[in-house]
Amino acid sequence: AMEFAPTYSPPFTVTQGIPKQDVVVRMTRGGTLRGRLGNQKTGGPVTGAVVTTQDNAYVENPLSALLGAMVPRTTTAKTVRTASEGRFEIDLVTPESYQLVVEHPNFTQEILKDQRVEEGQVTEVPAIYMTAGGVVRGTVYGVDGQPVSGASVNMRGAAAGLARTYQATADATGRYTIRRIAAGSYVINATSSPAQLSGDPFGAILEIKKSERNINVGETGEVTVDLNLGG
């Protein structure tokens, strides 16, 4: 309903051949999330950033991206942009615990978890400071030692609580670049393009294992990591 937060009924069971009656959904106006984004380097506001609400336990990965809206949720999915002073406000939010995902083309993605929304109340989100992040670049080599064009490069957080993932595709000379990476420890690997693998999943798994490396990325700066599909 227009002036209410998305609202869900209590759980109930459907039994074949028996009509289910008296399912009641009690609408709520929910609460509000309010906060501000700042530039960690300058202290100034960050405008035009996209702030999205997600389930508190949501982890972005290929499976969650594939399932998308098919996954049941009891939270409100909303997206807003920060205004001129870096401020944002999200209203009509179903009471629950949320994580906020913040994205901007000039900064690394930021994730703030455990933001509790209560009925009829405003939750003041702690200030979020954006960083430019680090850069990882390098070249992907094949078993013959030659650069591999079109190779897929994948990077995931290696530490608990660092659920971010990054992807890149190598150019015609085998070179790749990943920008705006949050500081932390990561595992990085590469595979040949699907056309080069000819649909062989075991070949892809073998390349991942052989090329896999552990790296550390700082708040700023650049890390060079060459990956070899032959180990």
C-alpha atoms as a PDB file:
ATOM      1  CA  ALA A   1       0.000   0.000   0.000  1.00  0.00           C
ATOM      2  CA  MET A   2       1.308   3.482  -0.929  1.00  0.00           C
ATOM      3  CA  GLU A   3       1.736   4.900   2.580  1.00  0.00           C
ATOM      4  CA  PHE A   4       2.819   1.711   4.316  1.00  0.00           C
ATOM      5  CA  ALA A   5       5.990  -0.336   4.485  1.00  0.00           C
ATOM      6  CA  PRO A   6       5.917  -3.726   2.715  1.00  0.00           C
ATOM      7  CA  THR A   7       4.389  -6.010   5.330  1.00  0.00           C
ATOM      8  CA  TYR A   8       4.366  -9.788   5.748  1.00  0.00           C
ATOM      9  CA  SER A   9       2.000 -12.166   7.491  1.00  0.00           C
ATOM     10  CA  PRO A  10       3.111 -14.609  10.167  1.00  0.00           C
ATOM     11  CA  PRO A  11       4.218 -18.001   8.726  1.00  0.00           C
ATOM     12  CA  PHE A  12       1.401 -20.422   7.890  1.00  0.00           C
ATOM     13  CA  THR A  13       1.071 -23.904   6.373  1.00  0.00           C
ATOM     14  CA  VAL A  14      -0.832 -24.829   3.201  1.00  0.00           C
ATOM     15  CA  THR A  15      -2.314 -28.330   3.117  1.00  0.00           C
ATOM     16  CA  GLN A  16      -3.503 -29.861  -0.145  1.00  0.00           C
ATOM     17  CA  GLY A  17      -7.277 -29.984  -0.458  1.00  0.00           C
ATOM     18  CA  ILE A  18      -7.923 -27.876   2.660  1.00  0.00           C
ATOM     19  CA  PRO A  19      -8.692 -24.158   2.169  1.00  0.00           C
ATOM     20  CA  LYS A  20      -6.494 -21.911   4.305  1.00  0.00           C
ATOM     21  CA  GLN A  21      -8.511 -19.107   5.860  1.00  0.00           C
ATOM     22  CA  ASP A  22      -7.959 -16.198   8.221  1.00  0.00           C
ATOM     23  CA  VAL A  23      -4.498 -15.232   6.945  1.00  0.00           C
ATOM     24  CA  VAL A  24      -4.096 -11.727   8.361  1.00  0.00           C
ATOM     25  CA  VAL A  25      -1.513  -9.167   7.261  1.00  0.00           C
ATOM     26  CA  ARG A  26      -1.347  -6.233   9.671  1.00  0.00           C
ATOM     27  CA  MET A  27       0.108  -3.302   7.734  1.00  0.00           C
ATOM     28  CA  THR A  28       2.858  -1.205   9.290  1.00  0.00           C
ATOM     29  CA  ARG A  29       4.275   2.221   8.448  1.00  0.00           C
ATOM     30  CA  GLY A  30       7.649   0.892   9.500  1.00  0.00           C
ATOM     31  CA  GLY A  31      10.591   3.068  10.402  1.00  0.00           C
ATOM     32  CA  THR A  32      13.235   5.275   8.771  1.00  0.00           C
ATOM     33  CA  LEU A  33      16.962   4.943   8.120  1.00  0.00           C
ATOM     34  CA  ARG A  34      18.855   8.240   8.002  1.00  0.00           C
ATOM     35  CA  GLY A  35      22.572   8.926   7.552  1.00  0.00           C
ATOM     36  CA  ARG A  36      25.414  10.746   5.816  1.00  0.00           C
ATOM     37  CA  LEU A  37      28.306   9.802   3.520  1.00  0.00           C
ATOM     38  CA  GLY A  38      31.683  11.508   3.731  1.00  0.00           C
ATOM     39  CA  ASN A  39      34.975  11.408   1.857  1.00  0.00           C
ATOM     40  CA  GLN A  40      37.537   9.863   4.205  1.00  0.00           C
ATOM     41  CA  LYS A  41      40.389  11.788   2.576  1.00  0.00           C
ATOM     42  CA  THR A  42      38.837  15.279   2.486  1.00  0.00           C
ATOM     43  CA  GLY A  43      36.054  15.015   5.061  1.00  0.00           C
ATOM     44  CA  GLY A  44      33.611  16.527   2.559  1.00  0.00           C
ATOM     45  CA  PRO A  45      30.245  15.029   1.597  1.00  0.00           C
ATOM     46  CA  VAL A  46      29.812  12.348  -1.051  1.00  0.00           C
ATOM     47  CA  THR A  47      26.858  13.106  -3.312  1.00  0.00           C
ATOM     48  CA  GLY A  48      25.203  10.865  -5.872  1.00  0.00           C
ATOM     49  CA  ALA A  49      26.099   7.616  -4.080  1.00  0.00           C
ATOM     50  CA  VAL A  50      23.585   4.762  -4.281  1.00  0.00           C
ATOM     51  CA  VAL A  51      22.432   3.382  -0.901  1.00  0.00           C
ATOM     52  CA  THR A  52      20.565   0.044  -0.976  1.00  0.00           C
ATOM     53  CA  THR A  53      18.923  -1.905   1.840  1.00  0.00           C
ATOM     54  CA  GLN A  54      19.581  -5.649   2.045  1.00  0.00           C
ATOM     55  CA  ASP A  55      18.883  -8.504   4.448  1.00  0.00           C
ATOM     56  CA  ASN A  56      21.400  -8.336   7.278  1.00  0.00           C
ATOM     57  CA  ALA A  57      22.763 -11.786   6.341  1.00  0.00           C
ATOM     58  CA  TYR A  58      22.881 -11.151   2.573  1.00  0.00           C
ATOM     59  CA  VAL A  59      26.181 -12.000   0.867  1.00  0.00           C
ATOM     60  CA  GLU A  60      26.776 -10.897  -2.707  1.00  0.00           C
ATOM     61  CA  ASN A  61      27.984 -13.829  -4.804  1.00  0.00           C
ATOM     62  CA  PRO A  62      27.119 -15.515  -8.141  1.00  0.00           C
ATOM     63  CA  LEU A  63      24.415 -17.646  -6.482  1.00  0.00           C
ATOM     64  CA  SER A  64      22.613 -14.720  -4.835  1.00  0.00           C
ATOM     65  CA  ALA A  65      22.808 -12.742  -8.101  1.00  0.00           C
ATOM     66  CA  LEU A  66      21.317 -15.689 -10.002  1.00  0.00           C
ATOM     67  CA  LEU A  67      18.432 -16.307  -7.583  1.00  0.00           C
ATOM     68  CA  GLY A  68      17.656 -12.621  -7.115  1.00  0.00           C
ATOM     69  CA  ALA A  69      14.008 -11.978  -6.319  1.00  0.00           C
ATOM     70  CA  MET A  70      13.264 -15.713  -5.916  1.00  0.00           C
ATOM     71  CA  VAL A  71      14.796 -15.677  -2.436  1.00  0.00           C
ATOM     72  CA  PRO A  72      12.070 -14.946   0.171  1.00  0.00           C
ATOM     73  CA  ARG A  73      12.728 -11.987   2.436  1.00  0.00           C
ATOM     74  CA  THR A  74      11.011 -10.139   5.279  1.00  0.00           C
ATOM     75  CA  THR A  75      12.940  -6.903   4.765  1.00  0.00           C
ATOM     76  CA  THR A  76      12.266  -3.907   2.533  1.00  0.00           C
ATOM     77  CA  ALA A  77      14.337  -3.560  -0.637  1.00  0.00           C
ATOM     78  CA  LYS A  78      14.867   0.147  -1.342  1.00  0.00           C
ATOM     79  CA  THR A  79      17.441   2.282  -3.136  1.00  0.00           C
ATOM     80  CA  VAL A  80      18.109   6.014  -2.720  1.00  0.00           C
ATOM     81  CA  ARG A  81      20.855   8.471  -3.743  1.00  0.00           C
ATOM     82  CA  THR A  82      22.701  10.811  -1.427  1.00  0.00           C
ATOM     83  CA  ALA A  83      21.771  14.493  -1.723  1.00  0.00           C
ATOM     84  CA  SER A  84      23.969  17.598  -1.959  1.00  0.00           C
ATOM     85  CA  GLU A  85      25.308  17.287   1.605  1.00  0.00           C
ATOM     86  CA  GLY A  86      25.878  13.553   1.349  1.00  0.00           C
ATOM     87  CA  ARG A  87      22.741  12.804   3.328  1.00  0.00           C
ATOM     88  CA  PHE A  88      20.191  10.070   2.673  1.00  0.00           C
ATOM     89  CA  GLU A  89      16.859   9.017   4.172  1.00  0.00           C
ATOM     90  CA  ILE A  90      14.946   5.807   3.551  1.00  0.00           C
ATOM     91  CA  ASP A  91      11.407   5.715   4.909  1.00  0.00           C
ATOM     92  CA  LEU A  92       8.576   3.156   5.040  1.00  0.00           C
ATOM     93  CA  VAL A  93      11.059   0.417   5.955  1.00  0.00           C
ATOM     94  CA  THR A  94       9.752  -2.813   7.486  1.00  0.00           C
ATOM     95  CA  PRO A  95      10.986  -3.278  11.083  1.00  0.00           C
ATOM     96  CA  GLU A  96      13.960  -5.670  10.886  1.00  0.00           C
ATOM     97  CA  SER A  97      17.771  -5.714  10.963  1.00  0.00           C
ATOM     98  CA  TYR A  98      19.433  -4.465   7.770  1.00  0.00           C
ATOM     99  CA  GLN A  99      22.732  -4.035   6.047  1.00  0.00           C
ATOM    100  CA  LEU A 100      23.298  -0.972   3.873  1.00  0.00           C
ATOM    101  CA  VAL A 101      25.279  -1.348   0.652  1.00  0.00           C
ATOM    102  CA  VAL A 102      26.793   1.928  -0.594  1.00  0.00           C
ATOM    103  CA  GLU A 103      28.205   2.311  -4.116  1.00  0.00           C
ATOM    104  CA  HIS A 104      29.767   5.214  -6.021  1.00  0.00           C
ATOM    105  CA  PRO A 105      31.844   5.129  -9.248  1.00  0.00           C
ATOM    106  CA  ASN A 106      34.761   6.966  -7.562  1.00  0.00           C
ATOM    107  CA  PHE A 107      34.897   4.971  -4.328  1.00  0.00           C
ATOM    108  CA  THR A 108      35.039   1.421  -3.072  1.00  0.00           C
ATOM    109  CA  GLN A 109      31.821  -0.309  -2.051  1.00  0.00           C
ATOM    110  CA  GLU A 110      30.966   0.092   1.639  1.00  0.00           C
ATOM    111  CA  ILE A 111      28.789  -2.298   3.665  1.00  0.00           C
ATOM    112  CA  LEU A 112      27.291  -1.392   7.041  1.00  0.00           C
ATOM    113  CA  LYS A 113      25.505  -4.209   8.877  1.00  0.00           C
ATOM    114  CA  ASP A 114      23.260  -4.551  11.950  1.00  0.00           C
ATOM    115  CA  GLN A 115      21.120  -1.442  11.398  1.00  0.00           C
ATOM    116  CA  ARG A 116      17.937  -2.092  13.355  1.00  0.00           C
ATOM    117  CA  VAL A 117      14.679  -0.476  12.194  1.00  0.00           C
ATOM    118  CA  GLU A 118      11.847  -0.087  14.723  1.00  0.00           C
ATOM    119  CA  GLU A 119       8.213   0.805  14.158  1.00  0.00           C
ATOM    120  CA  GLY A 120       7.633   4.570  14.052  1.00  0.00           C
ATOM    121  CA  GLN A 121      11.267   5.433  14.850  1.00  0.00           C
ATOM    122  CA  VAL A 122      14.204   6.994  12.997  1.00  0.00           C
ATOM    123  CA  THR A 123      17.429   4.977  13.024  1.00  0.00           C
ATOM    124  CA  GLU A 124      20.419   7.330  12.800  1.00  0.00           C
ATOM    125  CA  VAL A 125      23.051   5.448  10.832  1.00  0.00           C
ATOM    126  CA  PRO A 126      26.680   6.105  11.877  1.00  0.00           C
ATOM    127  CA  ALA A 127      28.559   8.302   9.394  1.00  0.00           C
ATOM    128  CA  ILE A 128      29.985   6.268   6.503  1.00  0.00           C
ATOM    129  CA  TYR A 129      33.323   7.442   5.097  1.00  0.00           C
ATOM    130  CA  MET A 130      34.189   6.446   1.542  1.00  0.00           C
ATOM    131  CA  THR A 131      37.683   5.604   0.296  1.00  0.00           C
ATOM    132  CA  ALA A 132      39.145   5.431  -3.196  1.00  0.00           C
ATOM    133  CA  GLY A 133      40.373   1.900  -2.483  1.00  0.00           C
ATOM    134  CA  GLY A 134      43.279  -0.012  -3.911  1.00  0.00           C
ATOM    135  CA  VAL A 135      44.091  -1.314  -7.387  1.00  0.00           C
ATOM    136  CA  VAL A 136      45.145  -4.814  -8.402  1.00  0.00           C
ATOM    137  CA  ARG A 137      46.563  -5.361 -11.872  1.00  0.00           C
ATOM    138  CA  GLY A 138      48.618  -8.001 -13.637  1.00  0.00           C
ATOM    139  CA  THR A 139      48.795 -10.489 -16.498  1.00  0.00           C
ATOM    140  CA  VAL A 140      47.267 -13.951 -16.878  1.00  0.00           C
ATOM    141  CA  TYR A 141      49.600 -16.570 -18.390  1.00  0.00           C
ATOM    142  CA  GLY A 142      48.733 -19.999 -19.787  1.00  0.00           C
ATOM    143  CA  VAL A 143      50.492 -23.316 -19.252  1.00  0.00           C
ATOM    144  CA  ASP A 144      52.741 -22.442 -22.220  1.00  0.00           C
ATOM    145  CA  GLY A 145      53.846 -19.221 -20.523  1.00  0.00           C
ATOM    146  CA  GLN A 146      52.043 -17.032 -23.054  1.00  0.00           C
ATOM    147  CA  PRO A 147      49.478 -14.332 -22.096  1.00  0.00           C
ATOM    148  CA  VAL A 148      45.852 -15.517 -22.177  1.00  0.00           C
ATOM    149  CA  SER A 149      43.396 -13.115 -23.810  1.00  0.00           C
ATOM    150  CA  GLY A 150      39.833 -12.965 -22.434  1.00  0.00           C
ATOM    151  CA  ALA A 151      40.689 -14.805 -19.213  1.00  0.00           C
ATOM    152  CA  SER A 152      38.329 -14.313 -16.260  1.00  0.00           C
ATOM    153  CA  VAL A 153      39.871 -13.028 -13.032  1.00  0.00           C
ATOM    154  CA  ASN A 154      37.984 -13.471  -9.757  1.00  0.00           C
ATOM    155  CA  MET A 155      38.831 -12.131  -6.320  1.00  0.00           C
ATOM    156  CA  ARG A 156      37.060 -12.782  -2.995  1.00  0.00           C
ATOM    157  CA  GLY A 157      37.630 -11.753   0.595  1.00  0.00           C
ATOM    158  CA  ALA A 158      39.751 -14.223   2.542  1.00  0.00           C
ATOM    159  CA  ALA A 159      38.987 -12.948   6.044  1.00  0.00           C
ATOM    160  CA  ALA A 160      35.815 -13.425   8.081  1.00  0.00           C
ATOM    161  CA  GLY A 161      33.454 -10.506   7.568  1.00  0.00           C
ATOM    162  CA  LEU A 162      35.012  -9.501   4.231  1.00  0.00           C
ATOM    163  CA  ALA A 163      32.408 -10.856   1.820  1.00  0.00           C
ATOM    164  CA  ARG A 164      33.236  -8.610  -1.122  1.00  0.00           C
ATOM    165  CA  THR A 165      33.940 -10.105  -4.540  1.00  0.00           C
ATOM    166  CA  TYR A 166      35.524  -8.553  -7.637  1.00  0.00           C
ATOM    167  CA  GLN A 167      35.786  -9.661 -11.249  1.00  0.00           C
ATOM    168  CA  ALA A 168      37.694  -8.589 -14.350  1.00  0.00           C
ATOM    169  CA  THR A 169      38.355  -9.819 -17.877  1.00  0.00           C
ATOM    170  CA  ALA A 170      41.857  -9.838 -19.353  1.00  0.00           C
ATOM    171  CA  ASP A 171      42.373  -7.883 -22.570  1.00  0.00           C
ATOM    172  CA  ALA A 172      43.940  -9.167 -25.801  1.00  0.00           C
ATOM    173  CA  THR A 173      47.402  -9.054 -24.190  1.00  0.00           C
ATOM    174  CA  GLY A 174      46.299 -10.964 -21.065  1.00  0.00           C
ATOM    175  CA  ARG A 175      46.375  -7.862 -18.847  1.00  0.00           C
ATOM    176  CA  TYR A 176      43.663  -7.121 -16.292  1.00  0.00           C
ATOM    177  CA  THR A 177      42.896  -4.304 -13.823  1.00  0.00           C
ATOM    178  CA  ILE A 178      40.548  -4.254 -10.810  1.00  0.00           C
ATOM    179  CA  ARG A 179      39.896  -0.876  -9.178  1.00  0.00           C
ATOM    180  CA  ARG A 180      38.169   0.480  -6.060  1.00  0.00           C
ATOM    181  CA  ILE A 181      39.032  -2.494  -3.855  1.00  0.00           C
ATOM    182  CA  ALA A 182      38.325  -2.315  -0.132  1.00  0.00           C
ATOM    183  CA  ALA A 183      41.367  -2.859   2.101  1.00  0.00           C
ATOM    184  CA  GLY A 184      41.823  -6.432   3.287  1.00  0.00           C
ATOM    185  CA  SER A 185      43.086  -9.935   2.527  1.00  0.00           C
ATOM    186  CA  TYR A 186      41.882 -11.638  -0.641  1.00  0.00           C
ATOM    187  CA  VAL A 187      42.142 -14.819  -2.671  1.00  0.00           C
ATOM    188  CA  ILE A 188      42.567 -14.231  -6.409  1.00  0.00           C
ATOM    189  CA  ASN A 189      42.490 -16.712  -9.303  1.00  0.00           C
ATOM    190  CA  ALA A 190      41.863 -16.918 -13.030  1.00  0.00           C
ATOM    191  CA  THR A 191      40.325 -19.202 -15.661  1.00  0.00           C
ATOM    192  CA  SER A 192      40.408 -19.284 -19.440  1.00  0.00           C
ATOM    193  CA  SER A 193      37.419 -17.888 -21.321  1.00  0.00           C
ATOM    194  CA  PRO A 194      34.412 -20.241 -21.750  1.00  0.00           C
ATOM    195  CA  ALA A 195      35.253 -20.603 -25.450  1.00  0.00           C
ATOM    196  CA  GLN A 196      38.809 -21.696 -24.619  1.00  0.00           C
ATOM    197  CA  LEU A 197      37.566 -24.179 -22.014  1.00  0.00           C
ATOM    198  CA  SER A 198      34.999 -25.633 -24.446  1.00  0.00           C
ATOM    199  CA  GLY A 199      32.500 -26.124 -21.621  1.00  0.00           C
ATOM    200  CA  ASP A 200      34.875 -28.257 -19.522  1.00  0.00           C
ATOM    201  CA  PRO A 201      34.003 -27.510 -15.836  1.00  0.00           C
ATOM    202  CA  PHE A 202      36.826 -29.704 -14.527  1.00  0.00           C
ATOM    203  CA  GLY A 203      39.331 -27.753 -16.592  1.00  0.00           C
ATOM    204  CA  ALA A 204      38.072 -24.514 -15.028  1.00  0.00           C
ATOM    205  CA  ILE A 205      38.344 -25.967 -11.495  1.00  0.00           C
ATOM    206  CA  LEU A 206      41.904 -27.098 -12.190  1.00  0.00           C
ATOM    207  CA  GLU A 207      42.894 -23.647 -13.494  1.00  0.00           C
ATOM    208  CA  ILE A 208      41.363 -21.975 -10.437  1.00  0.00           C
ATOM    209  CA  LYS A 209      43.336 -24.215  -8.079  1.00  0.00           C
ATOM    210  CA  LYS A 210      46.607 -23.796  -9.941  1.00  0.00           C
ATOM    211  CA  SER A 211      46.377 -20.015 -10.384  1.00  0.00           C
ATOM    212  CA  GLU A 212      45.052 -19.173  -6.904  1.00  0.00           C
ATOM    213  CA  ARG A 213      47.071 -16.722  -4.806  1.00  0.00           C
ATOM    214  CA  ASN A 214      46.614 -14.861  -1.498  1.00  0.00           C
ATOM    215  CA  ILE A 215      47.132 -11.090  -1.547  1.00  0.00           C
ATOM    216  CA  ASN A 216      46.726  -8.066   0.728  1.00  0.00           C
ATOM    217  CA  VAL A 217      45.279  -4.785  -0.524  1.00  0.00           C
ATOM    218  CA  GLY A 218      45.720  -1.451   1.285  1.00  0.00           C
ATOM    219  CA  GLU A 219      43.376   1.548   1.455  1.00  0.00           C
ATOM    220  CA  THR A 220      45.212   3.097  -1.498  1.00  0.00           C
ATOM    221  CA  GLY A 221      48.049   2.101  -3.773  1.00  0.00           C
ATOM    222  CA  GLU A 222      48.565  -0.615  -6.337  1.00  0.00           C
ATOM    223  CA  VAL A 223      49.370  -4.336  -6.171  1.00  0.00           C
ATOM    224  CA  THR A 224      50.744  -6.266  -9.168  1.00  0.00           C
ATOM    225  CA  VAL A 225      49.697  -9.921  -9.310  1.00  0.00           C
ATOM    226  CA  ASP A 226      50.479 -12.146 -12.279  1.00  0.00           C
ATOM    227  CA  LEU A 227      48.458 -15.355 -12.490  1.00  0.00           C
ATOM    228  CA  ASN A 228      49.592 -18.571 -14.150  1.00  0.00           C
ATOM    229  CA  LEU A 229      46.946 -21.120 -15.196  1.00  0.00           C
ATOM    230  CA  GLY A 230      49.613 -23.804 -15.097  1.00  0.00           C
ATOM    231  CA  GLY A 231      50.592 -23.115 -11.494  1.00  0.00           C
END
